[in-house]
Amino acid sequence: MWKANMAVAERIVFQPFVWQGGVLRAGVPIVCPNVEDARRRVDKIRAGILHVAGAVVVRMDVDEDIGDYGEPEYLERIGDTPGGEDED
């Protein structure tokens, strides 16, 4: 029996990065309730309140029931990130 796919949800993730022993590593990702919350976290980096090497904000569709993740849409990038340029 076909079942409507109602498990797909939009996820906004704030992914910080830190330098450890000269290697850029992903910190603990934070699932944000909305884009504005994620951008406030980026603003805290710009203001020097949150001390990380860099961060990205990503939006994607996720179906946790089957473990399917859509293509990420990068909304913000700041500082040192894999494949990114430094931003001030």
N, C-alpha and C. Protein backbone atom coordinates (compact mmCIF):
# COMPACT_ATOMS: atom_id res chain seq x y z
N MET A 1 0.84 -1.18 0.00
CA MET A 1 0.00 0.00 0.00
C MET A 1 0.88 1.24 0.00
N TRP A 2 0.61 2.17 -0.90
CA TRP A 2 1.38 3.40 -0.98
C TRP A 2 1.01 4.32 0.16
N LYS A 3 2.04 4.91 0.77
CA LYS A 3 1.82 5.81 1.89
C LYS A 3 2.42 7.16 1.53
N ALA A 4 1.67 8.22 1.75
CA ALA A 4 2.18 9.57 1.48
C ALA A 4 3.42 9.81 2.34
N ASN A 5 4.43 10.42 1.74
CA ASN A 5 5.68 10.68 2.45
C ASN A 5 5.54 11.95 3.28
N MET A 6 5.13 11.78 4.51
CA MET A 6 4.91 12.92 5.39
C MET A 6 6.09 13.13 6.33
N ALA A 7 7.11 12.28 6.23
CA ALA A 7 8.24 12.37 7.13
C ALA A 7 9.28 13.39 6.67
N VAL A 8 9.15 13.91 5.46
CA VAL A 8 10.12 14.88 4.95
C VAL A 8 9.93 16.21 5.68
N ALA A 9 11.03 16.73 6.21
CA ALA A 9 10.98 17.99 6.93
C ALA A 9 12.18 18.84 6.54
N GLU A 10 12.00 20.13 6.57
CA GLU A 10 13.11 21.05 6.32
C GLU A 10 13.95 21.15 7.58
N ARG A 11 15.26 21.09 7.42
CA ARG A 11 16.19 21.24 8.54
C ARG A 11 17.11 22.41 8.25
N ILE A 12 17.29 23.25 9.25
CA ILE A 12 18.25 24.34 9.20
C ILE A 12 19.35 23.97 10.20
N VAL A 13 20.57 23.83 9.70
CA VAL A 13 21.68 23.39 10.55
C VAL A 13 22.77 24.44 10.57
N PHE A 14 23.19 24.79 11.78
CA PHE A 14 24.35 25.65 12.00
C PHE A 14 25.51 24.71 12.30
N GLN A 15 26.50 24.67 11.41
CA GLN A 15 27.65 23.77 11.57
C GLN A 15 28.90 24.59 11.85
N PRO A 16 29.36 24.60 13.11
CA PRO A 16 30.60 25.32 13.42
C PRO A 16 31.83 24.46 13.10
N PHE A 17 32.96 25.13 12.92
CA PHE A 17 34.23 24.46 12.69
C PHE A 17 35.26 25.03 13.65
N VAL A 18 36.15 24.17 14.12
CA VAL A 18 37.18 24.58 15.07
C VAL A 18 38.53 24.04 14.60
N TRP A 19 39.58 24.74 14.97
CA TRP A 19 40.94 24.24 14.70
C TRP A 19 41.37 23.39 15.88
N GLN A 20 41.82 22.17 15.59
CA GLN A 20 42.35 21.27 16.62
C GLN A 20 43.66 20.69 16.10
N GLY A 21 44.75 21.06 16.75
CA GLY A 21 46.05 20.54 16.34
C GLY A 21 46.40 20.88 14.91
N GLY A 22 46.01 22.05 14.45
CA GLY A 22 46.32 22.46 13.08
C GLY A 22 45.40 21.88 12.03
N VAL A 23 44.36 21.17 12.45
CA VAL A 23 43.40 20.57 11.53
C VAL A 23 42.02 21.19 11.76
N LEU A 24 41.37 21.59 10.68
CA LEU A 24 40.02 22.14 10.78
C LEU A 24 39.04 20.99 10.94
N ARG A 25 38.29 21.01 12.03
CA ARG A 25 37.34 19.93 12.33
C ARG A 25 35.94 20.49 12.54
N ALA A 26 34.96 19.67 12.18
CA ALA A 26 33.57 20.04 12.42
C ALA A 26 33.27 19.97 13.91
N GLY A 27 32.61 20.99 14.42
CA GLY A 27 32.13 20.97 15.80
C GLY A 27 30.77 20.28 15.84
N VAL A 28 30.08 20.44 16.92
CA VAL A 28 28.77 19.82 17.08
C VAL A 28 27.74 20.62 16.27
N PRO A 29 27.06 19.97 15.32
CA PRO A 29 26.04 20.69 14.54
C PRO A 29 24.83 21.02 15.41
N ILE A 30 24.22 22.16 15.14
CA ILE A 30 23.05 22.59 15.90
C ILE A 30 21.88 22.71 14.93
N VAL A 31 20.82 21.94 15.17
CA VAL A 31 19.60 22.07 14.38
C VAL A 31 18.83 23.27 14.93
N CYS A 32 18.59 24.25 14.07
CA CYS A 32 17.94 25.49 14.47
C CYS A 32 16.45 25.45 14.11
N PRO A 33 15.63 26.12 14.89
CA PRO A 33 14.19 26.13 14.60
C PRO A 33 13.83 26.89 13.33
N ASN A 34 14.72 27.82 12.91
CA ASN A 34 14.46 28.61 11.71
C ASN A 34 15.75 29.27 11.24
N VAL A 35 15.69 29.87 10.06
CA VAL A 35 16.87 30.51 9.47
C VAL A 35 17.34 31.68 10.32
N GLU A 36 16.41 32.44 10.88
CA GLU A 36 16.78 33.61 11.69
C GLU A 36 17.62 33.21 12.90
N ASP A 37 17.26 32.09 13.54
CA ASP A 37 18.04 31.62 14.68
C ASP A 37 19.46 31.27 14.24
N ALA A 38 19.59 30.60 13.12
CA ALA A 38 20.92 30.25 12.62
C ALA A 38 21.73 31.50 12.29
N ARG A 39 21.09 32.48 11.69
CA ARG A 39 21.81 33.72 11.34
C ARG A 39 22.21 34.51 12.57
N ARG A 40 21.44 34.41 13.65
CA ARG A 40 21.84 35.07 14.91
C ARG A 40 23.14 34.45 15.43
N ARG A 41 23.29 33.15 15.22
CA ARG A 41 24.53 32.50 15.63
C ARG A 41 25.72 33.00 14.81
N VAL A 42 25.51 33.21 13.53
CA VAL A 42 26.55 33.78 12.66
C VAL A 42 26.89 35.20 13.13
N ASP A 43 25.86 35.97 13.47
CA ASP A 43 26.09 37.33 13.98
C ASP A 43 26.94 37.31 15.25
N LYS A 44 26.76 36.29 16.09
CA LYS A 44 27.56 36.18 17.32
C LYS A 44 29.03 35.92 16.98
N ILE A 45 29.30 35.20 15.90
CA ILE A 45 30.68 35.02 15.46
C ILE A 45 31.26 36.35 15.01
N ARG A 46 30.49 37.07 14.19
CA ARG A 46 30.95 38.38 13.70
C ARG A 46 31.23 39.35 14.85
N ALA A 47 30.41 39.27 15.91
CA ALA A 47 30.56 40.18 17.05
C ALA A 47 31.64 39.71 18.02
N GLY A 48 32.22 38.54 17.79
CA GLY A 48 33.25 38.03 18.68
C GLY A 48 32.72 37.39 19.94
N ILE A 49 31.41 37.12 19.98
CA ILE A 49 30.79 36.49 21.16
C ILE A 49 30.96 34.98 21.12
N LEU A 50 30.85 34.42 19.94
CA LEU A 50 31.01 32.97 19.74
C LEU A 50 32.36 32.74 19.08
N HIS A 51 33.21 31.99 19.73
CA HIS A 51 34.59 31.81 19.27
C HIS A 51 34.76 30.45 18.60
N VAL A 52 34.65 30.46 17.27
CA VAL A 52 34.91 29.27 16.45
C VAL A 52 35.72 29.73 15.25
N ALA A 53 36.33 28.78 14.55
CA ALA A 53 37.12 29.13 13.38
C ALA A 53 36.24 29.60 12.23
N GLY A 54 35.04 29.03 12.13
CA GLY A 54 34.11 29.37 11.07
C GLY A 54 32.83 28.57 11.23
N ALA A 55 31.90 28.81 10.32
CA ALA A 55 30.62 28.10 10.38
C ALA A 55 29.90 28.22 9.05
N VAL A 56 29.01 27.27 8.82
CA VAL A 56 28.09 27.34 7.69
C VAL A 56 26.67 27.13 8.22
N VAL A 57 25.73 27.73 7.51
CA VAL A 57 24.31 27.50 7.77
C VAL A 57 23.76 26.81 6.53
N VAL A 58 23.15 25.66 6.74
CA VAL A 58 22.68 24.83 5.65
C VAL A 58 21.19 24.54 5.82
N ARG A 59 20.47 24.61 4.70
CA ARG A 59 19.06 24.20 4.69
C ARG A 59 18.97 22.96 3.81
N MET A 60 18.24 21.94 4.30
CA MET A 60 18.04 20.74 3.49
C MET A 60 16.75 20.05 3.91
N ASP A 61 16.22 19.26 2.98
CA ASP A 61 15.07 18.42 3.28
C ASP A 61 15.58 17.08 3.77
N VAL A 62 14.96 16.57 4.83
CA VAL A 62 15.40 15.33 5.45
C VAL A 62 14.20 14.42 5.66
N ASP A 63 14.37 13.17 5.28
CA ASP A 63 13.38 12.13 5.58
C ASP A 63 14.06 11.17 6.54
N GLU A 64 13.85 11.39 7.84
CA GLU A 64 14.54 10.60 8.85
C GLU A 64 14.07 9.16 8.87
N ASP A 65 12.84 8.90 8.42
CA ASP A 65 12.33 7.52 8.41
C ASP A 65 13.16 6.60 7.53
N ILE A 66 13.62 7.14 6.40
CA ILE A 66 14.40 6.30 5.49
C ILE A 66 15.86 6.74 5.39
N GLY A 67 16.23 7.78 6.16
CA GLY A 67 17.62 8.25 6.17
C GLY A 67 18.03 8.97 4.90
N ASP A 68 17.09 9.66 4.27
CA ASP A 68 17.36 10.36 3.02
C ASP A 68 17.57 11.84 3.29
N TYR A 69 18.64 12.40 2.75
CA TYR A 69 18.98 13.80 2.93
C TYR A 69 19.06 14.47 1.56
N GLY A 70 18.34 15.58 1.39
CA GLY A 70 18.37 16.30 0.13
C GLY A 70 19.66 17.08 -0.03
N GLU A 71 19.80 17.69 -1.19
CA GLU A 71 20.97 18.52 -1.46
C GLU A 71 20.99 19.71 -0.51
N PRO A 72 22.13 19.99 0.11
CA PRO A 72 22.21 21.13 1.02
C PRO A 72 22.21 22.45 0.26
N GLU A 73 21.52 23.41 0.80
CA GLU A 73 21.54 24.78 0.29
C GLU A 73 22.30 25.61 1.33
N TYR A 74 23.45 26.14 0.94
CA TYR A 74 24.29 26.91 1.86
C TYR A 74 23.76 28.34 1.92
N LEU A 75 23.29 28.74 3.12
CA LEU A 75 22.69 30.06 3.30
C LEU A 75 23.69 31.08 3.82
N GLU A 76 24.64 30.64 4.63
CA GLU A 76 25.65 31.53 5.21
C GLU A 76 26.96 30.75 5.33
N ARG A 77 28.06 31.47 5.21
CA ARG A 77 29.39 30.90 5.42
C ARG A 77 30.25 32.02 5.99
N ILE A 78 30.95 31.70 7.08
CA ILE A 78 31.81 32.70 7.71
C ILE A 78 33.09 32.03 8.21
N GLY A 79 34.20 32.72 8.07
CA GLY A 79 35.46 32.23 8.61
C GLY A 79 36.02 31.04 7.88
N ASP A 80 36.78 30.23 8.62
CA ASP A 80 37.44 29.05 8.06
C ASP A 80 36.44 27.90 7.99
N THR A 81 36.17 27.45 6.76
CA THR A 81 35.28 26.31 6.56
C THR A 81 35.87 25.47 5.42
N PRO A 82 35.58 24.19 5.42
CA PRO A 82 36.09 23.37 4.31
C PRO A 82 35.57 23.89 2.97
N GLY A 83 36.47 24.14 2.06
CA GLY A 83 36.08 24.60 0.74
C GLY A 83 35.64 26.04 0.69
N GLY A 84 35.78 26.78 1.78
CA GLY A 84 35.32 28.18 1.81
C GLY A 84 36.47 29.13 1.93
N GLU A 85 36.16 30.36 1.71
CA GLU A 85 37.13 31.45 1.86
C GLU A 85 36.85 32.17 3.17
N ASP A 86 37.88 32.79 3.75
CA ASP A 86 37.69 33.58 4.97
C ASP A 86 36.77 34.76 4.68
N GLU A 87 35.90 35.07 5.62
CA GLU A 87 35.04 36.25 5.56
C GLU A 87 35.27 37.06 6.81
N ASP A 88 35.21 38.34 6.70
CA ASP A 88 35.30 39.20 7.88
C ASP A 88 33.99 39.87 8.15
